[in-house]
C-alpha atoms as a PDB file:
ATOM      1  CA  MET A   1     -70.277  32.312  52.720  1.00  0.00           C
ATOM      2  CA  MET A   2     -66.854  33.916  52.965  1.00  0.00           C
ATOM      3  CA  ASP A   3     -66.484  37.380  51.483  1.00  0.00           C
ATOM      4  CA  GLY A   4     -62.927  37.729  50.191  1.00  0.00           C
ATOM      5  CA  GLN A   5     -63.211  41.488  49.777  1.00  0.00           C
ATOM      6  CA  GLU A   6     -64.299  41.899  53.387  1.00  0.00           C
ATOM      7  CA  ILE A   7     -61.500  39.648  54.648  1.00  0.00           C
ATOM      8  CA  LEU A   8     -58.865  41.581  52.691  1.00  0.00           C
ATOM      9  CA  GLY A   9     -60.419  44.888  53.760  1.00  0.00           C
ATOM     10  CA  ARG A  10     -60.078  43.964  57.448  1.00  0.00           C
ATOM     11  CA  GLY A  11     -56.348  43.670  56.811  1.00  0.00           C
ATOM     12  CA  GLY A  12     -56.247  47.015  55.004  1.00  0.00           C
ATOM     13  CA  LEU A  13     -55.559  45.333  51.664  1.00  0.00           C
ATOM     14  CA  ALA A  14     -57.078  46.075  48.280  1.00  0.00           C
ATOM     15  CA  ALA A  15     -59.077  43.191  46.846  1.00  0.00           C
ATOM     16  CA  THR A  16     -57.075  42.435  43.710  1.00  0.00           C
ATOM     17  CA  GLU A  17     -58.036  39.506  41.519  1.00  0.00           C
ATOM     18  CA  LYS A  18     -55.025  37.400  42.544  1.00  0.00           C
ATOM     19  CA  ARG A  19     -55.397  38.141  46.259  1.00  0.00           C
ATOM     20  CA  LEU A  20     -59.050  37.109  46.052  1.00  0.00           C
ATOM     21  CA  LEU A  21     -58.021  33.842  44.376  1.00  0.00           C
ATOM     22  CA  VAL A  22     -55.654  33.053  47.257  1.00  0.00           C
ATOM     23  CA  VAL A  23     -58.158  34.015  49.972  1.00  0.00           C
ATOM     24  CA  ARG A  24     -60.827  31.834  48.326  1.00  0.00           C
ATOM     25  CA  ALA A  25     -58.396  28.914  48.026  1.00  0.00           C
ATOM     26  CA  LEU A  26     -57.492  29.233  51.719  1.00  0.00           C
ATOM     27  CA  ALA A  27     -61.168  29.440  52.691  1.00  0.00           C
ATOM     28  CA  GLU A  28     -62.035  26.350  50.658  1.00  0.00           C
ATOM     29  CA  ALA A  29     -59.083  24.265  51.872  1.00  0.00           C
ATOM     30  CA  GLU A  30     -59.976  21.454  54.267  1.00  0.00           C
ATOM     31  CA  GLY A  31     -57.376  22.719  56.723  1.00  0.00           C
ATOM     32  CA  PRO A  32     -54.153  24.707  56.771  1.00  0.00           C
ATOM     33  CA  ALA A  33     -52.660  24.372  53.270  1.00  0.00           C
ATOM     34  CA  THR A  34     -49.119  24.315  51.940  1.00  0.00           C
ATOM     35  CA  PRO A  35     -48.216  26.573  49.019  1.00  0.00           C
ATOM     36  CA  GLN A  36     -47.921  23.427  46.882  1.00  0.00           C
ATOM     37  CA  GLU A  37     -51.488  22.418  47.758  1.00  0.00           C
ATOM     38  CA  LEU A  38     -52.713  25.921  46.952  1.00  0.00           C
ATOM     39  CA  LEU A  39     -50.902  25.890  43.603  1.00  0.00           C
ATOM     40  CA  ALA A  40     -52.495  22.545  42.761  1.00  0.00           C
ATOM     41  CA  THR A  41     -55.904  24.079  43.470  1.00  0.00           C
ATOM     42  CA  LEU A  42     -55.233  27.333  41.621  1.00  0.00           C
ATOM     43  CA  GLY A  43     -53.620  25.732  38.582  1.00  0.00           C
ATOM     44  CA  ALA A  44     -52.507  28.169  35.905  1.00  0.00           C
ATOM     45  CA  GLN A  45     -54.332  31.104  37.536  1.00  0.00           C
ATOM     46  CA  LEU A  46     -51.285  32.005  39.637  1.00  0.00           C
ATOM     47  CA  ASN A  47     -47.551  31.389  39.521  1.00  0.00           C
ATOM     48  CA  ARG A  48     -45.451  30.246  42.491  1.00  0.00           C
ATOM     49  CA  VAL A  49     -43.623  33.545  43.083  1.00  0.00           C
ATOM     50  CA  THR A  50     -46.853  35.560  43.094  1.00  0.00           C
ATOM     51  CA  LEU A  51     -48.466  33.071  45.470  1.00  0.00           C
ATOM     52  CA  TYR A  52     -45.584  33.343  47.965  1.00  0.00           C
ATOM     53  CA  ARG A  53     -45.669  37.140  47.803  1.00  0.00           C
ATOM     54  CA  ILE A  54     -49.417  37.194  48.425  1.00  0.00           C
ATOM     55  CA  LEU A  55     -49.135  34.698  51.295  1.00  0.00           C
ATOM     56  CA  ASP A  56     -46.412  36.834  52.924  1.00  0.00           C
ATOM     57  CA  LEU A  57     -48.599  39.920  52.519  1.00  0.00           C
ATOM     58  CA  LEU A  58     -51.637  38.170  54.013  1.00  0.00           C
ATOM     59  CA  VAL A  59     -49.582  37.094  57.043  1.00  0.00           C
ATOM     60  CA  GLU A  60     -48.064  40.565  57.439  1.00  0.00           C
ATOM     61  CA  HIS A  61     -51.562  42.117  57.497  1.00  0.00           C
ATOM     62  CA  ASN A  62     -53.040  39.483  59.878  1.00  0.00           C
ATOM     63  CA  VAL A  63     -55.354  38.099  57.220  1.00  0.00           C
ATOM     64  CA  ALA A  64     -53.704  34.665  57.294  1.00  0.00           C
ATOM     65  CA  THR A  65     -51.643  32.645  59.740  1.00  0.00           C
ATOM     66  CA  ARG A  66     -48.408  30.859  58.799  1.00  0.00           C
ATOM     67  CA  HIS A  67     -47.284  27.938  60.894  1.00  0.00           C
ATOM     68  CA  ASN A  68     -44.874  25.059  60.908  1.00  0.00           C
ATOM     69  CA  ALA A  69     -46.496  21.641  61.128  1.00  0.00           C
ATOM     70  CA  GLY A  70     -43.137  19.905  61.460  1.00  0.00           C
ATOM     71  CA  GLU A  71     -42.821  19.581  57.696  1.00  0.00           C
ATOM     72  CA  ARG A  72     -40.494  21.258  55.224  1.00  0.00           C
ATOM     73  CA  ALA A  73     -43.169  23.687  53.988  1.00  0.00           C
ATOM     74  CA  PHE A  74     -45.152  26.153  56.054  1.00  0.00           C
ATOM     75  CA  ARG A  75     -48.914  25.827  56.137  1.00  0.00           C
ATOM     76  CA  TYR A  76     -51.313  28.759  55.813  1.00  0.00           C
ATOM     77  CA  CYS A  77     -54.867  29.356  56.959  1.00  0.00           C
ATOM     78  CA  LEU A  78     -57.115  32.372  57.194  1.00  0.00           C
ATOM     79  CA  HIS A  79     -56.926  34.258  60.477  1.00  0.00           C
ATOM     80  CA  THR A  80     -59.553  32.860  62.839  1.00  0.00           C
ATOM     81  CA  GLY A  81     -59.937  35.927  65.028  1.00  0.00           C
ATOM     82  CA  HIS A  82     -57.836  34.390  67.797  1.00  0.00           C
ATOM     83  CA  GLU A  83     -54.442  36.048  67.848  1.00  0.00           C
ATOM     84  CA  ASN A  84     -52.546  32.758  68.068  1.00  0.00           C
ATOM     85  CA  HIS A  85     -54.838  29.837  67.392  1.00  0.00           C
ATOM     86  CA  ALA A  86     -53.550  26.299  67.776  1.00  0.00           C
ATOM     87  CA  HIS A  87     -53.015  23.564  65.194  1.00  0.00           C
ATOM     88  CA  PHE A  88     -53.064  19.774  65.332  1.00  0.00           C
ATOM     89  CA  THR A  89     -51.067  17.521  63.004  1.00  0.00           C
ATOM     90  CA  CYS A  90     -51.573  13.758  62.789  1.00  0.00           C
ATOM     91  CA  SER A  91     -48.311  11.841  62.955  1.00  0.00           C
ATOM     92  CA  ARG A  92     -49.763   8.993  60.879  1.00  0.00           C
ATOM     93  CA  CYS A  93     -51.556  10.607  57.930  1.00  0.00           C
ATOM     94  CA  GLY A  94     -50.228  14.193  58.121  1.00  0.00           C
ATOM     95  CA  HIS A  95     -53.708  15.734  58.396  1.00  0.00           C
ATOM     96  CA  THR A  96     -53.435  19.242  59.861  1.00  0.00           C
ATOM     97  CA  GLU A  97     -56.301  21.304  61.234  1.00  0.00           C
ATOM     98  CA  CYS A  98     -56.936  24.557  63.065  1.00  0.00           C
ATOM     99  CA  LEU A  99     -58.153  24.310  66.654  1.00  0.00           C
ATOM    100  CA  ASP A 100     -60.313  26.825  68.439  1.00  0.00           C
ATOM    101  CA  SER A 101     -57.861  27.984  71.082  1.00  0.00           C
ATOM    102  CA  GLY A 102     -60.081  30.587  72.688  1.00  0.00           C
ATOM    103  CA  GLY A 103     -59.641  28.777  75.997  1.00  0.00           C
ATOM    104  CA  PHE A 104     -55.852  28.895  75.732  1.00  0.00           C
ATOM    105  CA  GLY A 105     -55.751  32.695  75.551  1.00  0.00           C
ATOM    106  CA  ALA A 106     -56.055  33.428  79.265  1.00  0.00           C
ATOM    107  CA  ASP A 107     -53.587  30.725  80.258  1.00  0.00           C
ATOM    108  CA  LEU A 108     -51.119  31.778  77.580  1.00  0.00           C
ATOM    109  CA  SER A 109     -51.356  35.425  78.649  1.00  0.00           C
ATOM    110  CA  GLU A 110     -50.671  34.389  82.242  1.00  0.00           C
ATOM    111  CA  LEU A 111     -47.636  32.354  81.191  1.00  0.00           C
ATOM    112  CA  LEU A 112     -46.275  35.154  79.003  1.00  0.00           C
ATOM    113  CA  SER A 113     -46.702  37.734  81.770  1.00  0.00           C
ATOM    114  CA  HIS A 114     -44.042  35.900  83.811  1.00  0.00           C
ATOM    115  CA  LEU A 115     -41.402  35.918  81.073  1.00  0.00           C
ATOM    116  CA  PRO A 116     -38.605  38.512  81.240  1.00  0.00           C
ATOM    117  CA  MET A 117     -39.066  39.523  77.591  1.00  0.00           C
ATOM    118  CA  ARG A 118     -41.773  40.711  75.232  1.00  0.00           C
ATOM    119  CA  VAL A 119     -43.258  37.924  73.135  1.00  0.00           C
ATOM    120  CA  ASP A 120     -44.873  39.172  69.931  1.00  0.00           C
ATOM    121  CA  THR A 121     -45.991  35.845  68.513  1.00  0.00           C
ATOM    122  CA  ALA A 122     -46.521  32.326  69.785  1.00  0.00           C
ATOM    123  CA  GLU A 123     -47.328  29.129  67.982  1.00  0.00           C
ATOM    124  CA  ILE A 124     -49.211  26.309  69.643  1.00  0.00           C
ATOM    125  CA  ARG A 125     -48.982  22.999  67.820  1.00  0.00           C
ATOM    126  CA  PHE A 126     -50.239  19.638  68.989  1.00  0.00           C
ATOM    127  CA  GLY A 127     -49.161  16.351  67.460  1.00  0.00           C
ATOM    128  CA  GLY A 128     -50.749  12.958  67.802  1.00  0.00           C
ATOM    129  CA  VAL A 129     -53.165  10.670  66.010  1.00  0.00           C
ATOM    130  CA  CYS A 130     -56.356  12.020  64.412  1.00  0.00           C
ATOM    131  CA  GLN A 131     -59.825  10.487  64.792  1.00  0.00           C
ATOM    132  CA  GLY A 132     -59.693   8.946  61.313  1.00  0.00           C
ATOM    133  CA  CYS A 133     -56.457   7.086  62.026  1.00  0.00           C
ATOM    134  CA  LEU A 134     -57.660   6.006  65.467  1.00  0.00           C
ATOM    135  CA  ARG A 135     -60.731   4.400  63.883  1.00  0.00           C
ATOM    136  CA  GLY A 136     -58.845   2.898  60.952  1.00  0.00           C
END
């Protein structure tokens, strides 16, 4: 089971009650979650402004990843251990999930080594049709 205090500690953050609520909500989400989805889960335990501040802090301290799934809102997930893991978004149902991109790391590093600039972050996003929609 996920230990919210340990996760926050790895990012050098104190384990406050509200931060633990957000980390638990991210851990229990079925995939990368929007702030609106997190608020629906957290209910009255947290207001919108506090949630956004905590999400920004988690991203800043490499506890969570923020990415654009081609929607209006960013999606957030806990850091997987891969610096820049990939995401997949279904064009039919909107389902978004994290992908283990451990295999992409070497190829991405090779690609980045040929660029005439320093790249600090990269986002890999795949779009297509998920297994559920293919079957349905």
